[in-house]
Amino acid sequence: MDRLLVLDHPLIQSKLASLRDQRTPKHDFRRLLKELTALMVYEITRDFPVIPAQIETPLETTTGVRPGVPLVLVPILRAGVGMLDGVLELVPWARVGHVGIYRDHESLQPVVYYAKLPDGLAESWIIVVDPMLATGGSVAEAVRLIKESGGTSIRFLCLVAAPEGVALLTRAHPDVPIYAAALDRQLNEHGYILPGLGDAGDRIFGT
């Protein structure tokens, strides 16, 4: 678990508790997901590379900073899309790629059905987002595709992680740090996280 960082800020934990609540309606779920994602991105970008830049204030010239490298967001379809606005709220200049993966309900193995990634991944800081890290297969496959396209500086952001998923992703990609709001107890026999928050995609889209 040494590649996992649980973000325990009180605001993050409070919003996560509301997301877990089965009584939270989908419109509140979406809003909370956006707010929670923004708070988490603020935390995980503390070491984002910057470069000095001259700034003209209304009174004089001073020195500030600008982004030092391109930032690329890669949501895993479909639930990862629900986290996108929370990231773009803070970094609207980021580029966005998409990876579509679903988990076969019988084998629990990932199946890729769509991948569209920006150019220049080798020079970019890449954040892969998905609300849940359950078995870990989908995220590991998404990271593999990103690496095949040249990405090297990759981190993964989720709300809730299961120990099984953390272990698999760490074995497959030990160079990828994992950021989560919580490390939950385990997976059930269907591959869902316990206690979890249910199916994030269904709760986001009302399906």
Protein backbone atom coordinates (compact mmCIF):
# COMPACT_ATOMS: atom_id res chain seq x y z
CA MET A 1 0.00 0.00 0.00
CA ASP A 2 3.04 2.30 -0.12
CA ARG A 3 1.89 3.76 -3.47
CA LEU A 4 -1.49 4.78 -1.97
CA LEU A 5 -2.09 8.18 -0.40
CA VAL A 6 -5.44 8.64 1.36
CA LEU A 7 -6.46 12.30 1.43
CA ASP A 8 -7.97 12.79 4.88
CA HIS A 9 -8.82 16.50 4.74
CA PRO A 10 -12.02 17.09 6.77
CA LEU A 11 -13.87 18.67 3.81
CA ILE A 12 -12.98 15.72 1.60
CA GLN A 13 -14.14 13.22 4.20
CA SER A 14 -17.39 15.08 4.87
CA LYS A 15 -18.33 15.16 1.20
CA LEU A 16 -17.38 11.51 0.80
CA ALA A 17 -19.77 10.59 3.61
CA SER A 18 -22.60 12.34 1.76
CA LEU A 19 -21.69 10.53 -1.46
CA ARG A 20 -21.86 7.18 0.33
CA ASP A 21 -25.37 7.90 1.66
CA GLN A 22 -27.93 6.00 -0.44
CA ARG A 23 -30.47 8.77 0.23
CA THR A 24 -28.38 11.36 -1.66
CA PRO A 25 -30.26 12.16 -4.92
CA LYS A 26 -28.40 12.12 -8.23
CA HIS A 27 -28.30 15.91 -8.62
CA ASP A 28 -26.64 16.26 -5.21
CA PHE A 29 -24.40 13.29 -5.98
CA ARG A 30 -23.12 15.04 -9.13
CA ARG A 31 -22.52 18.32 -7.30
CA LEU A 32 -20.72 16.62 -4.43
CA LEU A 33 -18.60 14.58 -6.85
CA LYS A 34 -17.52 17.76 -8.65
CA GLU A 35 -16.68 19.53 -5.38
CA LEU A 36 -14.86 16.54 -3.92
CA THR A 37 -12.81 16.01 -7.08
CA ALA A 38 -11.75 19.68 -7.10
CA LEU A 39 -10.59 19.43 -3.47
CA MET A 40 -8.62 16.28 -4.22
CA VAL A 41 -6.98 17.73 -7.33
CA TYR A 42 -5.92 20.75 -5.28
CA GLU A 43 -4.15 18.34 -2.91
CA ILE A 44 -2.45 16.12 -5.49
CA THR A 45 -1.07 18.95 -7.64
CA ARG A 46 1.13 20.42 -4.91
CA ASP A 47 4.23 19.28 -6.82
CA PHE A 48 2.97 20.30 -10.27
CA PRO A 49 5.89 21.77 -12.25
CA VAL A 50 5.85 25.54 -12.75
CA ILE A 51 8.13 28.07 -14.41
CA PRO A 52 8.75 31.72 -13.46
CA ALA A 53 6.96 34.36 -15.50
CA GLN A 54 6.97 38.15 -15.53
CA ILE A 55 3.61 39.66 -14.59
CA GLU A 56 2.47 43.25 -15.12
CA THR A 57 0.29 44.35 -12.21
CA PRO A 58 -1.60 47.65 -12.39
CA LEU A 59 1.34 49.20 -10.48
CA GLU A 60 4.55 47.44 -11.49
CA THR A 61 6.28 44.36 -12.88
CA THR A 62 6.64 41.34 -10.62
CA THR A 63 7.45 37.65 -10.93
CA GLY A 64 4.84 34.91 -10.73
CA VAL A 65 4.61 31.36 -12.04
CA ARG A 66 2.93 29.64 -14.98
CA PRO A 67 2.33 25.91 -15.64
CA GLY A 68 5.62 24.27 -16.54
CA VAL A 69 4.29 21.26 -18.46
CA PRO A 70 1.05 20.34 -20.24
CA LEU A 71 -1.61 18.67 -18.11
CA VAL A 72 -3.72 15.83 -19.53
CA LEU A 73 -6.80 14.36 -17.87
CA VAL A 74 -7.94 10.86 -18.77
CA PRO A 75 -11.34 9.85 -17.38
CA ILE A 76 -12.23 6.18 -17.67
CA LEU A 77 -15.68 5.98 -19.27
CA ARG A 78 -18.29 6.21 -18.13
CA ALA A 79 -18.13 7.09 -14.43
CA GLY A 80 -14.83 8.96 -14.78
CA VAL A 81 -16.62 11.63 -16.81
CA GLY A 82 -18.45 12.61 -13.63
CA MET A 83 -15.12 13.76 -12.14
CA LEU A 84 -14.03 15.77 -15.17
CA ASP A 85 -15.74 19.07 -14.34
CA GLY A 86 -14.21 19.09 -10.87
CA VAL A 87 -10.71 18.94 -12.37
CA LEU A 88 -11.40 21.39 -15.19
CA GLU A 89 -12.80 23.88 -12.68
CA LEU A 90 -9.23 24.32 -11.39
CA VAL A 91 -7.24 23.63 -14.58
CA PRO A 92 -9.44 24.70 -17.52
CA TRP A 93 -6.42 24.70 -19.84
CA ALA A 94 -5.89 20.94 -19.47
CA ARG A 95 -6.37 18.63 -22.42
CA VAL A 96 -8.64 15.62 -22.11
CA GLY A 97 -8.30 12.07 -23.39
CA HIS A 98 -10.84 9.29 -22.97
CA VAL A 99 -10.51 5.56 -22.40
CA GLY A 100 -13.63 3.40 -22.54
CA ILE A 101 -13.38 0.20 -20.52
CA TYR A 102 -16.04 -2.00 -19.02
CA ARG A 103 -15.67 -4.92 -16.65
CA ASP A 104 -17.04 -8.24 -17.83
CA HIS A 105 -19.53 -9.25 -15.13
CA GLU A 106 -18.56 -12.93 -15.27
CA SER A 107 -14.79 -12.87 -15.66
CA LEU A 108 -14.37 -9.42 -13.99
CA GLN A 109 -11.70 -8.74 -16.67
CA PRO A 110 -11.42 -5.33 -18.41
CA VAL A 111 -12.65 -4.94 -21.99
CA VAL A 112 -11.48 -1.87 -23.95
CA TYR A 113 -14.04 -0.43 -26.38
CA TYR A 114 -12.71 3.11 -26.97
CA ALA A 115 -9.43 5.04 -26.64
CA LYS A 116 -8.67 8.59 -27.79
CA LEU A 117 -5.62 10.27 -26.28
CA PRO A 118 -3.95 13.64 -27.02
CA ASP A 119 -0.53 13.93 -28.63
CA GLY A 120 2.52 14.87 -26.59
CA LEU A 121 1.91 12.54 -23.65
CA ALA A 122 5.65 12.07 -23.10
CA GLU A 123 5.97 15.74 -22.09
CA SER A 124 2.74 15.86 -20.07
CA TRP A 125 1.63 15.40 -16.48
CA ILE A 126 -1.23 12.88 -16.70
CA ILE A 127 -4.06 12.33 -14.22
CA VAL A 128 -6.28 9.28 -14.76
CA VAL A 129 -9.63 9.62 -12.99
CA ASP A 130 -12.29 7.06 -12.04
CA PRO A 131 -14.48 7.17 -8.93
CA MET A 132 -13.78 3.57 -7.91
CA LEU A 133 -10.66 1.40 -7.74
CA ALA A 134 -12.29 -2.01 -7.33
CA THR A 135 -10.52 -4.98 -8.93
CA GLY A 136 -7.98 -2.60 -10.50
CA GLY A 137 -8.14 -4.23 -13.92
CA SER A 138 -9.71 -1.30 -15.77
CA VAL A 139 -7.27 1.26 -14.37
CA ALA A 140 -4.27 -0.97 -15.03
CA GLU A 141 -5.42 -1.41 -18.64
CA ALA A 142 -5.97 2.35 -19.05
CA VAL A 143 -2.48 3.08 -17.75
CA ARG A 144 -1.03 0.46 -20.09
CA LEU A 145 -2.68 2.21 -23.07
CA ILE A 146 -1.36 5.59 -21.92
CA LYS A 147 2.16 4.23 -21.57
CA GLU A 148 1.94 2.67 -25.03
CA SER A 149 1.11 6.16 -26.33
CA GLY A 150 4.21 7.64 -24.68
CA GLY A 151 2.93 8.74 -21.25
CA THR A 152 5.39 8.45 -18.37
CA SER A 153 4.33 10.88 -15.63
CA ILE A 154 1.02 9.30 -14.59
CA ARG A 155 -1.01 9.39 -11.40
CA PHE A 156 -4.40 7.91 -10.59
CA LEU A 157 -7.18 9.68 -8.70
CA CYS A 158 -10.25 7.93 -7.27
CA LEU A 159 -12.77 8.39 -4.48
CA VAL A 160 -12.80 4.92 -2.95
CA ALA A 161 -10.26 2.11 -3.30
CA ALA A 162 -10.37 -1.57 -2.37
CA PRO A 163 -7.19 -3.31 -1.14
CA GLU A 164 -7.46 -5.78 -4.03
CA GLY A 165 -7.44 -2.99 -6.59
CA VAL A 166 -4.55 -1.15 -4.96
CA ALA A 167 -2.52 -4.37 -4.93
CA LEU A 168 -3.21 -5.17 -8.59
CA LEU A 169 -2.50 -1.64 -9.85
CA THR A 170 0.69 -1.47 -7.80
CA ARG A 171 1.91 -4.81 -9.20
CA ALA A 172 1.09 -3.80 -12.78
CA HIS A 173 2.39 -0.20 -12.55
CA PRO A 174 4.55 0.37 -9.47
CA ASP A 175 5.55 3.80 -10.79
CA VAL A 176 1.97 5.17 -10.66
CA PRO A 177 0.93 6.79 -7.35
CA ILE A 178 -2.68 6.27 -6.24
CA TYR A 179 -4.70 9.01 -4.54
CA ALA A 180 -8.01 8.19 -2.86
CA ALA A 181 -10.43 9.68 -0.35
CA ALA A 182 -10.77 6.28 1.37
CA LEU A 183 -9.35 2.77 1.45
CA ASP A 184 -12.37 0.53 2.00
CA ARG A 185 -12.54 -2.94 3.50
CA GLN A 186 -12.86 -5.40 0.59
CA LEU A 187 -14.66 -6.48 -2.57
CA ASN A 188 -17.79 -8.61 -2.49
CA GLU A 189 -18.32 -11.67 -4.71
CA HIS A 190 -19.51 -9.44 -7.58
CA GLY A 191 -16.45 -7.18 -7.47
CA TYR A 192 -18.17 -4.24 -5.75
CA ILE A 193 -16.39 -2.29 -3.01
CA LEU A 194 -17.57 -2.67 0.59
CA PRO A 195 -18.78 -0.45 2.18
CA GLY A 196 -18.33 1.61 -1.01
CA LEU A 197 -20.97 3.93 -2.41
CA GLY A 198 -22.75 1.70 -4.91
CA ASP A 199 -22.32 1.89 -8.68
CA ALA A 200 -20.92 5.40 -9.23
CA GLY A 201 -21.95 5.50 -12.90
CA ASP A 202 -25.54 4.56 -12.11
CA ARG A 203 -25.73 7.16 -9.35
CA ILE A 204 -24.26 9.89 -11.57
CA PHE A 205 -26.44 9.23 -14.60
CA GLY A 206 -29.58 7.87 -12.94
CA THR A 207 -29.47 4.50 -14.73
